[in-house]
C-alpha atoms as a PDB file:
ATOM      1  CA  MET A   1      67.594  97.771  84.402  1.00  0.00           C
ATOM      2  CA  ILE A   2      66.806  94.780  86.626  1.00  0.00           C
ATOM      3  CA  ARG A   3      66.640  95.757  90.282  1.00  0.00           C
ATOM      4  CA  LEU A   4      68.179  93.535  92.923  1.00  0.00           C
ATOM      5  CA  SER A   5      65.056  93.964  95.053  1.00  0.00           C
ATOM      6  CA  SER A   6      62.906  92.454  92.280  1.00  0.00           C
ATOM      7  CA  VAL A   7      65.283  89.484  92.035  1.00  0.00           C
ATOM      8  CA  ILE A   8      64.997  88.933  95.789  1.00  0.00           C
ATOM      9  CA  GLU A   9      61.218  89.227  95.686  1.00  0.00           C
ATOM     10  CA  GLN A  10      61.025  86.676  92.879  1.00  0.00           C
ATOM     11  CA  PHE A  11      63.382  84.069  94.345  1.00  0.00           C
ATOM     12  CA  GLU A  12      63.240  84.700  98.100  1.00  0.00           C
ATOM     13  CA  THR A  13      61.028  81.713  98.864  1.00  0.00           C
ATOM     14  CA  ASN A  14      63.317  79.262  97.065  1.00  0.00           C
ATOM     15  CA  PHE A  15      66.364  80.916  98.583  1.00  0.00           C
ATOM     16  CA  LEU A  16      65.109  80.629 102.166  1.00  0.00           C
ATOM     17  CA  ALA A  17      64.095  77.012 101.617  1.00  0.00           C
ATOM     18  CA  GLN A  18      67.572  76.191 100.327  1.00  0.00           C
ATOM     19  CA  TYR A  19      69.842  78.429 102.423  1.00  0.00           C
ATOM     20  CA  GLY A  20      67.677  79.740 105.272  1.00  0.00           C
ATOM     21  CA  SER A  21      69.171  77.450 107.920  1.00  0.00           C
ATOM     22  CA  THR A  22      72.707  78.737 107.251  1.00  0.00           C
ATOM     23  CA  LEU A  23      71.949  82.463 107.101  1.00  0.00           C
ATOM     24  CA  LEU A  24      73.667  84.783 109.565  1.00  0.00           C
ATOM     25  CA  PRO A  25      71.638  87.530 111.309  1.00  0.00           C
ATOM     26  CA  SER A  26      73.490  90.201 109.314  1.00  0.00           C
ATOM     27  CA  GLN A  27      72.560  88.450 106.068  1.00  0.00           C
ATOM     28  CA  ARG A  28      68.886  88.215 107.029  1.00  0.00           C
ATOM     29  CA  LYS A  29      68.859  91.910 107.837  1.00  0.00           C
ATOM     30  CA  ALA A  30      70.486  92.765 104.505  1.00  0.00           C
ATOM     31  CA  LEU A  31      67.997  90.575 102.634  1.00  0.00           C
ATOM     32  CA  SER A  32      65.027  92.312 104.233  1.00  0.00           C
ATOM     33  CA  ALA A  33      66.467  95.828 103.797  1.00  0.00           C
ATOM     34  CA  ILE A  34      67.408  95.465 100.116  1.00  0.00           C
ATOM     35  CA  LYS A  35      64.060  93.868  99.285  1.00  0.00           C
ATOM     36  CA  GLN A  36      62.128  96.809 100.738  1.00  0.00           C
ATOM     37  CA  CYS A  37      64.439  99.636  99.582  1.00  0.00           C
ATOM     38  CA  ARG A  38      62.362 102.340  97.858  1.00  0.00           C
ATOM     39  CA  SER A  39      59.664  99.801  97.097  1.00  0.00           C
ATOM     40  CA  SER A  40      55.932  99.598  97.715  1.00  0.00           C
ATOM     41  CA  HIS A  41      56.713  97.852 101.024  1.00  0.00           C
ATOM     42  CA  SER A  42      59.081 100.468 102.466  1.00  0.00           C
ATOM     43  CA  PRO A  43      58.063 103.180 104.984  1.00  0.00           C
ATOM     44  CA  LEU A  44      57.361 106.681 103.708  1.00  0.00           C
ATOM     45  CA  MET A  45      58.877 110.121 104.109  1.00  0.00           C
ATOM     46  CA  LYS A  46      56.671 113.202 104.184  1.00  0.00           C
ATOM     47  CA  VAL A  47      58.161 116.026 102.099  1.00  0.00           C
ATOM     48  CA  SER A  48      56.929 119.578 101.546  1.00  0.00           C
ATOM     49  CA  CYS A  49      57.916 122.111  98.899  1.00  0.00           C
ATOM     50  CA  SER A  50      59.724 125.214 100.140  1.00  0.00           C
ATOM     51  CA  ASP A  51      58.120 127.328  97.364  1.00  0.00           C
ATOM     52  CA  CYS A  52      54.521 126.213  96.849  1.00  0.00           C
ATOM     53  CA  ASP A  53      53.791 124.212 100.043  1.00  0.00           C
ATOM     54  CA  HIS A  54      52.958 121.087  98.013  1.00  0.00           C
ATOM     55  CA  LEU A  55      53.001 117.901 100.121  1.00  0.00           C
ATOM     56  CA  SER A  56      54.047 114.463  98.977  1.00  0.00           C
ATOM     57  CA  TYR A  57      55.062 111.068 100.316  1.00  0.00           C
ATOM     58  CA  VAL A  58      58.088 109.224  98.958  1.00  0.00           C
ATOM     59  CA  PRO A  59      59.422 105.749  99.810  1.00  0.00           C
ATOM     60  CA  HIS A  60      62.403 105.418 102.118  1.00  0.00           C
ATOM     61  CA  SER A  61      65.761 104.123 101.015  1.00  0.00           C
ATOM     62  CA  CYS A  62      67.019 101.355 103.285  1.00  0.00           C
ATOM     63  CA  GLY A  63      70.473 102.873 103.899  1.00  0.00           C
ATOM     64  CA  HIS A  64      72.091  99.444 104.136  1.00  0.00           C
ATOM     65  CA  ARG A  65      75.768  99.393 103.169  1.00  0.00           C
ATOM     66  CA  SER A  66      75.222  96.342 100.936  1.00  0.00           C
ATOM     67  CA  CYS A  67      72.372  97.912  98.968  1.00  0.00           C
ATOM     68  CA  PRO A  68      73.310  99.005  95.411  1.00  0.00           C
ATOM     69  CA  HIS A  69      70.961 102.001  95.710  1.00  0.00           C
ATOM     70  CA  CYS A  70      72.220 103.550  98.918  1.00  0.00           C
ATOM     71  CA  GLN A  71      75.156 105.489 100.413  1.00  0.00           C
ATOM     72  CA  SER A  72      76.724 106.945  97.262  1.00  0.00           C
ATOM     73  CA  HIS A  73      77.084 110.230  99.123  1.00  0.00           C
ATOM     74  CA  GLU A  74      78.799 108.534 102.084  1.00  0.00           C
ATOM     75  CA  SER A  75      81.243 106.880  99.701  1.00  0.00           C
ATOM     76  CA  GLN A  76      82.153 110.251  98.206  1.00  0.00           C
ATOM     77  CA  GLN A  77      82.619 111.731 101.668  1.00  0.00           C
ATOM     78  CA  TRP A  78      85.038 108.930 102.576  1.00  0.00           C
ATOM     79  CA  ILE A  79      87.120 109.670  99.476  1.00  0.00           C
ATOM     80  CA  GLU A  80      87.217 113.376 100.384  1.00  0.00           C
ATOM     81  CA  ARG A  81      88.344 112.612 103.947  1.00  0.00           C
ATOM     82  CA  GLN A  82      91.186 110.454 102.663  1.00  0.00           C
ATOM     83  CA  CYS A  83      92.289 113.108 100.160  1.00  0.00           C
ATOM     84  CA  GLN A  84      92.424 115.678 102.958  1.00  0.00           C
ATOM     85  CA  LYS A  85      95.128 113.553 104.616  1.00  0.00           C
ATOM     86  CA  GLN A  86      97.307 113.238 101.519  1.00  0.00           C
ATOM     87  CA  LEU A  87     101.034 113.878 101.855  1.00  0.00           C
ATOM     88  CA  PRO A  88     103.595 114.963  99.199  1.00  0.00           C
ATOM     89  CA  VAL A  89     105.083 111.475  98.730  1.00  0.00           C
ATOM     90  CA  ASN A  90     104.569 108.484  96.472  1.00  0.00           C
ATOM     91  CA  TYR A  91     101.739 106.164  97.439  1.00  0.00           C
ATOM     92  CA  PHE A  92     101.641 102.382  97.177  1.00  0.00           C
ATOM     93  CA  MET A  93      98.779  99.896  97.096  1.00  0.00           C
ATOM     94  CA  ILE A  94      99.693  96.705  98.931  1.00  0.00           C
ATOM     95  CA  THR A  95      97.251  93.815  98.596  1.00  0.00           C
ATOM     96  CA  PHE A  96      97.323  90.926 101.059  1.00  0.00           C
ATOM     97  CA  THR A  97      95.723  87.832  99.534  1.00  0.00           C
ATOM     98  CA  LEU A  98      94.818  84.678 101.421  1.00  0.00           C
ATOM     99  CA  PRO A  99      95.324  81.263  99.806  1.00  0.00           C
ATOM    100  CA  LYS A 100      92.154  79.514  98.659  1.00  0.00           C
ATOM    101  CA  GLU A 101      92.745  76.671 101.116  1.00  0.00           C
ATOM    102  CA  LEU A 102      92.007  79.064 104.015  1.00  0.00           C
ATOM    103  CA  ARG A 103      88.714  80.383 102.658  1.00  0.00           C
ATOM    104  CA  PRO A 104      86.490  77.795 104.431  1.00  0.00           C
ATOM    105  CA  LEU A 105      88.221  78.613 107.725  1.00  0.00           C
ATOM    106  CA  PHE A 106      87.674  82.348 107.217  1.00  0.00           C
ATOM    107  CA  TRP A 107      84.048  81.751 106.279  1.00  0.00           C
ATOM    108  CA  SER A 108      83.383  79.854 109.509  1.00  0.00           C
ATOM    109  CA  SER A 109      85.107  82.467 111.746  1.00  0.00           C
ATOM    110  CA  GLN A 110      84.570  85.699 109.882  1.00  0.00           C
ATOM    111  CA  ARG A 111      84.577  88.304 112.641  1.00  0.00           C
ATOM    112  CA  LEU A 112      87.668  86.913 114.364  1.00  0.00           C
ATOM    113  CA  LEU A 113      89.778  86.236 111.272  1.00  0.00           C
ATOM    114  CA  TYR A 114      88.827  89.403 109.409  1.00  0.00           C
ATOM    115  CA  GLN A 115      89.995  91.320 112.480  1.00  0.00           C
ATOM    116  CA  GLN A 116      93.262  89.364 112.478  1.00  0.00           C
ATOM    117  CA  LEU A 117      93.701  90.025 108.764  1.00  0.00           C
ATOM    118  CA  PHE A 118      93.657  93.783 109.418  1.00  0.00           C
ATOM    119  CA  GLN A 119      95.959  93.485 112.426  1.00  0.00           C
ATOM    120  CA  CYS A 120      98.538  91.209 110.763  1.00  0.00           C
ATOM    121  CA  ALA A 121      98.718  93.409 107.662  1.00  0.00           C
ATOM    122  CA  TRP A 122      99.285  96.523 109.799  1.00  0.00           C
ATOM    123  CA  GLU A 123     101.918  94.841 111.977  1.00  0.00           C
ATOM    124  CA  THR A 124     103.723  93.653 108.834  1.00  0.00           C
ATOM    125  CA  LEU A 125     103.864  97.089 107.218  1.00  0.00           C
ATOM    126  CA  LYS A 126     104.724  98.793 110.491  1.00  0.00           C
ATOM    127  CA  SER A 127     107.692  96.478 111.102  1.00  0.00           C
ATOM    128  CA  PHE A 128     108.973  96.930 107.539  1.00  0.00           C
ATOM    129  CA  SER A 129     108.733 100.709 107.875  1.00  0.00           C
ATOM    130  CA  HIS A 130     110.607 100.781 111.188  1.00  0.00           C
ATOM    131  CA  ASN A 131     113.342  98.531 109.776  1.00  0.00           C
ATOM    132  CA  ASP A 132     113.684 100.357 106.454  1.00  0.00           C
ATOM    133  CA  LYS A 133     116.919 102.352 106.186  1.00  0.00           C
ATOM    134  CA  GLN A 134     115.189 105.364 104.638  1.00  0.00           C
ATOM    135  CA  LEU A 135     111.970 105.457 106.660  1.00  0.00           C
ATOM    136  CA  LYS A 136     112.858 104.362 110.213  1.00  0.00           C
ATOM    137  CA  GLY A 137     109.557 105.451 111.682  1.00  0.00           C
ATOM    138  CA  MET A 138     105.793 105.133 112.044  1.00  0.00           C
ATOM    139  CA  PRO A 139     103.965 104.782 108.681  1.00  0.00           C
ATOM    140  CA  GLY A 140     100.322 105.329 107.807  1.00  0.00           C
ATOM    141  CA  MET A 141      97.903 102.851 106.282  1.00  0.00           C
ATOM    142  CA  VAL A 142      94.360 102.843 104.931  1.00  0.00           C
ATOM    143  CA  ALA A 143      92.924  99.343 104.646  1.00  0.00           C
ATOM    144  CA  VAL A 144      89.720  98.161 102.976  1.00  0.00           C
ATOM    145  CA  LEU A 145      88.478  94.573 103.224  1.00  0.00           C
ATOM    146  CA  HIS A 146      87.165  92.904 100.081  1.00  0.00           C
ATOM    147  CA  THR A 147      85.555  89.469 100.223  1.00  0.00           C
ATOM    148  CA  HIS A 148      84.771  88.887  96.541  1.00  0.00           C
ATOM    149  CA  SER A 149      86.459  88.088  93.276  1.00  0.00           C
ATOM    150  CA  ARG A 150      85.264  89.616  90.006  1.00  0.00           C
ATOM    151  CA  ARG A 151      83.043  86.549  89.560  1.00  0.00           C
ATOM    152  CA  LEU A 152      81.654  87.322  93.056  1.00  0.00           C
ATOM    153  CA  ASP A 153      83.031  84.113  94.556  1.00  0.00           C
ATOM    154  CA  PHE A 154      84.197  84.208  98.189  1.00  0.00           C
ATOM    155  CA  HIS A 155      87.760  85.526  98.044  1.00  0.00           C
ATOM    156  CA  PRO A 156      88.773  87.540 101.140  1.00  0.00           C
ATOM    157  CA  HIS A 157      91.713  89.897 100.644  1.00  0.00           C
ATOM    158  CA  LEU A 158      92.846  93.234 102.030  1.00  0.00           C
ATOM    159  CA  HIS A 159      93.701  96.312  99.962  1.00  0.00           C
ATOM    160  CA  THR A 160      95.945  98.779 101.764  1.00  0.00           C
ATOM    161  CA  ILE A 161      97.174 102.206 100.652  1.00  0.00           C
ATOM    162  CA  MET A 162     100.403 103.441 102.227  1.00  0.00           C
ATOM    163  CA  PRO A 163     102.332 106.688 101.706  1.00  0.00           C
ATOM    164  CA  ALA A 164     106.096 106.245 101.283  1.00  0.00           C
ATOM    165  CA  GLY A 165     106.794 108.378 104.325  1.00  0.00           C
ATOM    166  CA  ALA A 166     107.165 107.814 108.059  1.00  0.00           C
ATOM    167  CA  MET A 167     107.393 109.825 111.264  1.00  0.00           C
ATOM    168  CA  ASP A 168     110.173 109.227 113.778  1.00  0.00           C
ATOM    169  CA  LYS A 169     108.291 110.257 116.906  1.00  0.00           C
ATOM    170  CA  VAL A 170     111.358 109.947 119.156  1.00  0.00           C
ATOM    171  CA  ARG A 171     113.446 112.436 117.173  1.00  0.00           C
ATOM    172  CA  GLY A 172     110.539 114.320 115.658  1.00  0.00           C
ATOM    173  CA  LEU A 173     111.781 113.668 112.104  1.00  0.00           C
ATOM    174  CA  TRP A 174     109.773 113.169 108.929  1.00  0.00           C
ATOM    175  CA  ARG A 175     111.359 110.865 106.369  1.00  0.00           C
ATOM    176  CA  LYS A 176     110.211 109.812 102.911  1.00  0.00           C
ATOM    177  CA  LYS A 177     111.280 107.234 100.376  1.00  0.00           C
ATOM    178  CA  GLU A 178     111.785 108.198  96.738  1.00  0.00           C
ATOM    179  CA  GLY A 179     111.306 106.026  93.683  1.00  0.00           C
ATOM    180  CA  ALA A 180     108.899 103.333  92.534  1.00  0.00           C
ATOM    181  CA  TYR A 181     110.080 100.729  95.087  1.00  0.00           C
ATOM    182  CA  LEU A 182     108.796 100.447  98.633  1.00  0.00           C
ATOM    183  CA  PHE A 183     109.219  96.935 100.051  1.00  0.00           C
ATOM    184  CA  ASN A 184     110.029  93.511  98.601  1.00  0.00           C
ATOM    185  CA  HIS A 185     106.735  91.737  97.953  1.00  0.00           C
ATOM    186  CA  LYS A 186     108.161  88.267  98.654  1.00  0.00           C
ATOM    187  CA  ALA A 187     109.519  89.375 102.019  1.00  0.00           C
ATOM    188  CA  LEU A 188     106.160  90.990 102.855  1.00  0.00           C
ATOM    189  CA  ALA A 189     104.389  87.716 102.024  1.00  0.00           C
ATOM    190  CA  LYS A 190     106.672  85.668 104.283  1.00  0.00           C
ATOM    191  CA  VAL A 191     106.228  87.947 107.300  1.00  0.00           C
ATOM    192  CA  PHE A 192     102.483  88.318 106.752  1.00  0.00           C
ATOM    193  CA  ARG A 193     102.112  84.531 106.445  1.00  0.00           C
ATOM    194  CA  ALA A 194     103.964  83.947 109.710  1.00  0.00           C
ATOM    195  CA  LYS A 195     101.885  86.518 111.587  1.00  0.00           C
ATOM    196  CA  MET A 196      98.602  85.210 110.160  1.00  0.00           C
ATOM    197  CA  LEU A 197      99.400  81.583 110.993  1.00  0.00           C
ATOM    198  CA  ALA A 198     100.426  82.580 114.526  1.00  0.00           C
ATOM    199  CA  ALA A 199      97.120  84.439 114.993  1.00  0.00           C
ATOM    200  CA  ILE A 200      95.120  81.418 113.774  1.00  0.00           C
ATOM    201  CA  LYS A 201      97.060  79.134 116.111  1.00  0.00           C
ATOM    202  CA  GLN A 202      96.516  81.477 119.051  1.00  0.00           C
ATOM    203  CA  ALA A 203      92.782  81.432 118.328  1.00  0.00           C
ATOM    204  CA  ARG A 204      92.926  77.612 118.539  1.00  0.00           C
ATOM    205  CA  LEU A 205      91.448  77.132 115.092  1.00  0.00           C
ATOM    206  CA  THR A 206      92.251  74.049 113.031  1.00  0.00           C
ATOM    207  CA  MET A 207      94.333  74.785 109.961  1.00  0.00           C
ATOM    208  CA  PRO A 208      93.745  72.828 106.759  1.00  0.00           C
ATOM    209  CA  ALA A 209      96.468  70.281 106.084  1.00  0.00           C
ATOM    210  CA  ASN A 210      97.254  71.438 102.556  1.00  0.00           C
ATOM    211  CA  TYR A 211      97.783  75.188 102.860  1.00  0.00           C
ATOM    212  CA  PRO A 212     100.653  76.437 100.629  1.00  0.00           C
ATOM    213  CA  GLU A 213     104.109  77.515 101.719  1.00  0.00           C
ATOM    214  CA  LYS A 214     104.108  80.591  99.491  1.00  0.00           C
ATOM    215  CA  TRP A 215     101.501  83.331  99.893  1.00  0.00           C
ATOM    216  CA  VAL A 216     100.917  86.333  97.651  1.00  0.00           C
ATOM    217  CA  VAL A 217     101.340  90.002  98.554  1.00  0.00           C
ATOM    218  CA  ASP A 218     101.315  92.563  95.759  1.00  0.00           C
ATOM    219  CA  CYS A 219     102.989  95.969  96.135  1.00  0.00           C
ATOM    220  CA  LYS A 220     102.712  98.580  93.383  1.00  0.00           C
ATOM    221  CA  GLN A 221     103.083 102.332  93.126  1.00  0.00           C
ATOM    222  CA  VAL A 222      99.863 104.322  92.630  1.00  0.00           C
ATOM    223  CA  GLY A 223     101.194 107.875  92.229  1.00  0.00           C
ATOM    224  CA  SER A 224      99.668 110.483  94.524  1.00  0.00           C
ATOM    225  CA  GLY A 225      97.119 107.980  95.833  1.00  0.00           C
ATOM    226  CA  GLU A 226      94.013 109.857  94.714  1.00  0.00           C
ATOM    227  CA  LYS A 227      92.952 107.328  92.047  1.00  0.00           C
ATOM    228  CA  ALA A 228      93.538 104.446  94.458  1.00  0.00           C
ATOM    229  CA  PHE A 229      91.251 106.051  97.044  1.00  0.00           C
ATOM    230  CA  VAL A 230      88.579 106.547  94.384  1.00  0.00           C
ATOM    231  CA  TYR A 231      88.920 102.887  93.381  1.00  0.00           C
ATOM    232  CA  LEU A 232      88.510 101.638  96.947  1.00  0.00           C
ATOM    233  CA  GLY A 233      85.726 104.109  97.699  1.00  0.00           C
ATOM    234  CA  ARG A 234      83.751 102.696  94.808  1.00  0.00           C
ATOM    235  CA  TYR A 235      83.501  99.324  96.588  1.00  0.00           C
ATOM    236  CA  LEU A 236      83.250 100.604 100.135  1.00  0.00           C
ATOM    237  CA  TYR A 237      79.454 100.830 100.036  1.00  0.00           C
ATOM    238  CA  LYS A 238      76.686  99.736  97.638  1.00  0.00           C
ATOM    239  CA  GLY A 239      77.423  96.028  97.816  1.00  0.00           C
ATOM    240  CA  VAL A 240      79.388  93.863  95.414  1.00  0.00           C
ATOM    241  CA  ILE A 241      77.315  94.255  92.262  1.00  0.00           C
ATOM    242  CA  GLN A 242      75.842  97.157  90.340  1.00  0.00           C
ATOM    243  CA  GLU A 243      72.330  96.655  89.076  1.00  0.00           C
ATOM    244  CA  LYS A 244      73.353  97.605  85.551  1.00  0.00           C
ATOM    245  CA  ASP A 245      75.434  94.406  85.547  1.00  0.00           C
ATOM    246  CA  ILE A 246      72.369  92.210  86.135  1.00  0.00           C
ATOM    247  CA  ILE A 247      71.507  91.669  82.485  1.00  0.00           C
ATOM    248  CA  ASN A 248      68.836  88.949  82.537  1.00  0.00           C
ATOM    249  CA  CYS A 249      66.373  87.323  84.902  1.00  0.00           C
ATOM    250  CA  ALA A 250      64.282  84.610  83.230  1.00  0.00           C
ATOM    251  CA  ASN A 251      63.396  80.915  83.437  1.00  0.00           C
ATOM    252  CA  GLY A 252      64.440  80.737  87.081  1.00  0.00           C
ATOM    253  CA  ASN A 253      67.975  81.972  86.359  1.00  0.00           C
ATOM    254  CA  VAL A 254      69.851  85.238  86.810  1.00  0.00           C
ATOM    255  CA  THR A 255      72.652  86.322  84.476  1.00  0.00           C
ATOM    256  CA  PHE A 256      75.162  89.013  85.397  1.00  0.00           C
ATOM    257  CA  ARG A 257      78.303  90.330  83.783  1.00  0.00           C
ATOM    258  CA  TYR A 258      81.752  90.973  85.203  1.00  0.00           C
ATOM    259  CA  LYS A 259      85.054  92.207  83.827  1.00  0.00           C
ATOM    260  CA  GLU A 260      87.841  89.648  83.754  1.00  0.00           C
ATOM    261  CA  SER A 261      91.033  90.974  85.331  1.00  0.00           C
ATOM    262  CA  LYS A 262      93.486  89.532  82.786  1.00  0.00           C
ATOM    263  CA  THR A 263      91.718  90.425  79.534  1.00  0.00           C
ATOM    264  CA  GLN A 264      89.649  93.396  80.826  1.00  0.00           C
ATOM    265  CA  ARG A 265      86.760  92.003  78.798  1.00  0.00           C
ATOM    266  CA  TYR A 266      83.245  91.421  80.021  1.00  0.00           C
ATOM    267  CA  LYS A 267      82.079  87.874  80.661  1.00  0.00           C
ATOM    268  CA  THR A 268      78.724  86.581  81.863  1.00  0.00           C
ATOM    269  CA  ARG A 269      77.753  84.129  84.567  1.00  0.00           C
ATOM    270  CA  THR A 270      74.332  82.487  84.919  1.00  0.00           C
ATOM    271  CA  LEU A 271      73.032  80.972  88.156  1.00  0.00           C
ATOM    272  CA  PRO A 272      69.682  79.800  89.550  1.00  0.00           C
ATOM    273  CA  GLY A 273      67.936  82.665  91.321  1.00  0.00           C
ATOM    274  CA  ALA A 274      68.429  81.229  94.830  1.00  0.00           C
ATOM    275  CA  ASP A 275      72.137  80.627  94.203  1.00  0.00           C
ATOM    276  CA  PHE A 276      72.544  84.167  92.883  1.00  0.00           C
ATOM    277  CA  ILE A 277      71.067  85.651  96.070  1.00  0.00           C
ATOM    278  CA  GLN A 278      73.373  83.451  98.142  1.00  0.00           C
ATOM    279  CA  LEU A 279      76.323  84.622  96.039  1.00  0.00           C
ATOM    280  CA  ILE A 280      75.466  88.243  96.916  1.00  0.00           C
ATOM    281  CA  LEU A 281      74.646  87.738 100.587  1.00  0.00           C
ATOM    282  CA  GLN A 282      77.809  85.776 101.405  1.00  0.00           C
ATOM    283  CA  HIS A 283      79.688  89.088 101.130  1.00  0.00           C
ATOM    284  CA  VAL A 284      77.598  90.840 103.796  1.00  0.00           C
ATOM    285  CA  LEU A 285      79.964  91.534 106.691  1.00  0.00           C
ATOM    286  CA  PRO A 286      79.150  90.700 110.324  1.00  0.00           C
ATOM    287  CA  ARG A 287      77.073  93.302 112.132  1.00  0.00           C
ATOM    288  CA  ARG A 288      78.965  96.541 112.905  1.00  0.00           C
ATOM    289  CA  PHE A 289      82.196  95.230 111.435  1.00  0.00           C
ATOM    290  CA  ARG A 290      84.113  98.095 109.827  1.00  0.00           C
ATOM    291  CA  ARG A 291      85.221  97.401 106.276  1.00  0.00           C
ATOM    292  CA  ALA A 292      87.634 100.385 106.116  1.00  0.00           C
ATOM    293  CA  ARG A 293      90.184 101.279 108.799  1.00  0.00           C
ATOM    294  CA  ASP A 294      92.971 103.842 109.169  1.00  0.00           C
ATOM    295  CA  TYR A 295      96.232 103.247 111.032  1.00  0.00           C
ATOM    296  CA  GLY A 296      99.319 105.129 112.160  1.00  0.00           C
ATOM    297  CA  LEU A 297      99.843 108.512 110.501  1.00  0.00           C
ATOM    298  CA  LEU A 298      96.474 108.263 108.767  1.00  0.00           C
ATOM    299  CA  HIS A 299      94.464 107.430 111.892  1.00  0.00           C
ATOM    300  CA  PRO A 300      91.784 110.026 112.751  1.00  0.00           C
ATOM    301  CA  ASN A 301      93.728 110.835 115.944  1.00  0.00           C
ATOM    302  CA  SER A 302      96.613 112.134 113.806  1.00  0.00           C
ATOM    303  CA  LYS A 303      94.778 115.106 112.278  1.00  0.00           C
ATOM    304  CA  THR A 304      96.958 117.634 114.116  1.00  0.00           C
ATOM    305  CA  LEU A 305     100.144 115.899 112.966  1.00  0.00           C
ATOM    306  CA  ILE A 306      98.891 115.805 109.361  1.00  0.00           C
ATOM    307  CA  ARG A 307      98.113 119.540 109.427  1.00  0.00           C
ATOM    308  CA  ARG A 308     101.555 120.243 110.889  1.00  0.00           C
ATOM    309  CA  LEU A 309     103.216 118.232 108.117  1.00  0.00           C
ATOM    310  CA  HIS A 310     101.195 120.094 105.480  1.00  0.00           C
ATOM    311  CA  TYR A 311     102.459 123.389 106.927  1.00  0.00           C
ATOM    312  CA  LEU A 312     106.114 122.366 107.334  1.00  0.00           C
ATOM    313  CA  LEU A 313     106.284 120.722 103.897  1.00  0.00           C
ATOM    314  CA  LYS A 314     104.441 123.675 102.300  1.00  0.00           C
ATOM    315  CA  PHE A 315     101.916 121.307 100.803  1.00  0.00           C
ATOM    316  CA  ASN A 316      98.671 122.866  99.590  1.00  0.00           C
ATOM    317  CA  ILE A 317      96.089 120.174 100.222  1.00  0.00           C
ATOM    318  CA  ASN A 318      93.359 122.150  98.431  1.00  0.00           C
ATOM    319  CA  GLN A 319      94.843 121.198  95.082  1.00  0.00           C
ATOM    320  CA  TRP A 320      93.978 117.557  95.770  1.00  0.00           C
ATOM    321  CA  VAL A 321      90.670 117.807  97.574  1.00  0.00           C
ATOM    322  CA  LYS A 322      87.841 117.906  95.092  1.00  0.00           C
ATOM    323  CA  LYS A 323      84.399 118.551  96.435  1.00  0.00           C
ATOM    324  CA  GLY A 324      82.000 115.852  95.313  1.00  0.00           C
ATOM    325  CA  LYS A 325      78.465 116.289  94.148  1.00  0.00           C
ATOM    326  CA  PRO A 326      76.052 117.464  96.824  1.00  0.00           C
ATOM    327  CA  ARG A 327      73.488 115.023  98.117  1.00  0.00           C
ATOM    328  CA  PRO A 328      70.630 114.765  95.560  1.00  0.00           C
ATOM    329  CA  VAL A 329      67.497 116.730  96.428  1.00  0.00           C
ATOM    330  CA  ILE A 330      63.850 115.851  95.972  1.00  0.00           C
ATOM    331  CA  THR A 331      62.172 118.215  93.524  1.00  0.00           C
ATOM    332  CA  CYS A 332      58.557 119.322  93.572  1.00  0.00           C
ATOM    333  CA  SER A 333      56.370 117.859  90.836  1.00  0.00           C
ATOM    334  CA  CYS A 334      54.342 121.097  90.715  1.00  0.00           C
ATOM    335  CA  CYS A 335      56.905 123.905  90.581  1.00  0.00           C
ATOM    336  CA  GLY A 336      60.313 122.203  90.521  1.00  0.00           C
ATOM    337  CA  GLY A 337      61.314 123.619  93.900  1.00  0.00           C
ATOM    338  CA  VAL A 338      63.292 121.806  96.567  1.00  0.00           C
ATOM    339  CA  MET A 339      61.283 119.488  98.805  1.00  0.00           C
ATOM    340  CA  ASN A 340      62.160 119.411 102.505  1.00  0.00           C
ATOM    341  CA  ILE A 341      61.777 116.248 104.581  1.00  0.00           C
ATOM    342  CA  THR A 342      59.398 116.906 107.471  1.00  0.00           C
ATOM    343  CA  GLN A 343      58.587 113.395 108.734  1.00  0.00           C
ATOM    344  CA  THR A 344      60.178 109.987 108.316  1.00  0.00           C
ATOM    345  CA  ARG A 345      59.308 106.327 108.854  1.00  0.00           C
ATOM    346  CA  LEU A 346      55.584 106.773 108.251  1.00  0.00           C
ATOM    347  CA  GLU A 347      53.365 103.739 107.776  1.00  0.00           C
ATOM    348  CA  ARG A 348      51.727 103.400 104.399  1.00  0.00           C
ATOM    349  CA  ILE A 349      48.169 103.265 105.712  1.00  0.00           C
ATOM    350  CA  GLY A 350      46.281 106.233 104.268  1.00  0.00           C
ATOM    351  CA  HIS A 351      49.233 107.563 102.302  1.00  0.00           C
ATOM    352  CA  SER A 352      50.016 107.495  98.595  1.00  0.00           C
ATOM    353  CA  THR A 353      53.359 108.006  96.950  1.00  0.00           C
ATOM    354  CA  GLN A 354      54.161 110.447  94.190  1.00  0.00           C
ATOM    355  CA  ALA A 355      57.052 110.151  91.761  1.00  0.00           C
ATOM    356  CA  HIS A 356      59.914 112.596  92.139  1.00  0.00           C
ATOM    357  CA  ASN A 357      63.211 113.409  90.480  1.00  0.00           C
ATOM    358  CA  PRO A 358      66.164 113.430  92.947  1.00  0.00           C
END
């Protein structure tokens, strides 16, 4: 398997010469973190065996959310938290896609327009829920921002998961909507487009002259929602590419594979090393920008309401919540016991690393 850190180490000089002047601070930080992750350049952790007192030093992981090595455990925890808020209704995945003509504008004002993308999607779904004859209340929404296509090109879009239920807070009534239909996708697209254009105008940004009249919003049923949460959790951390998909690195080029959405078959794409690194780093979000957000009924402040609904609807949430794998442990090379971390962020001077099996 070809590691992303080795690709960066090999092509970093060419990449910085070609793209260094356009790099954002968040991208520079990601580049440095991924390059050093669990490598000979990273700081060390001191670990000791709980059984035989054997000491060892192991390299640190970087913990960056764009690193393909890190935060698998955090991703699983996010999925578990979402499953704990599940309700006994049908769930729908609603995807808000921006036209390609707006991509340069979003690239130049990422923090502002990504924020507006979340807000306009929520306001659209909230208004549809309040106006729906069966719901007539406050809905819930989980939204996850994606910035890439399967080919890893810049393609910002928002995946949202919404239960077909709403709470009328004035009357204290819970209502749900049966069937495989939630909202009309063409009507959603029109309202979302109007809200997004108004937000761009309010921000005094210049719109491209050729943006289309029709935008695309997809709305499809996803059953109980569990599989949809797993799907989104898979891309919440660990960057936009898995290292197993980097299949060749030779002659100054990097080749990776991706699965085409229409045919579900794997295809390959080959780029110069510097361009490949740029392709990866363009999807690093601005510093401290949250990729996943919860709204309405599914907001963290609604935990009491969710528990009350579980009780009143006699819904056993334990049947849906599946405990994930525990965080991997470091095993002792002498006796196989569990190693405990005693010190972190140690400099490498005077220390040597020893292989371990997490």
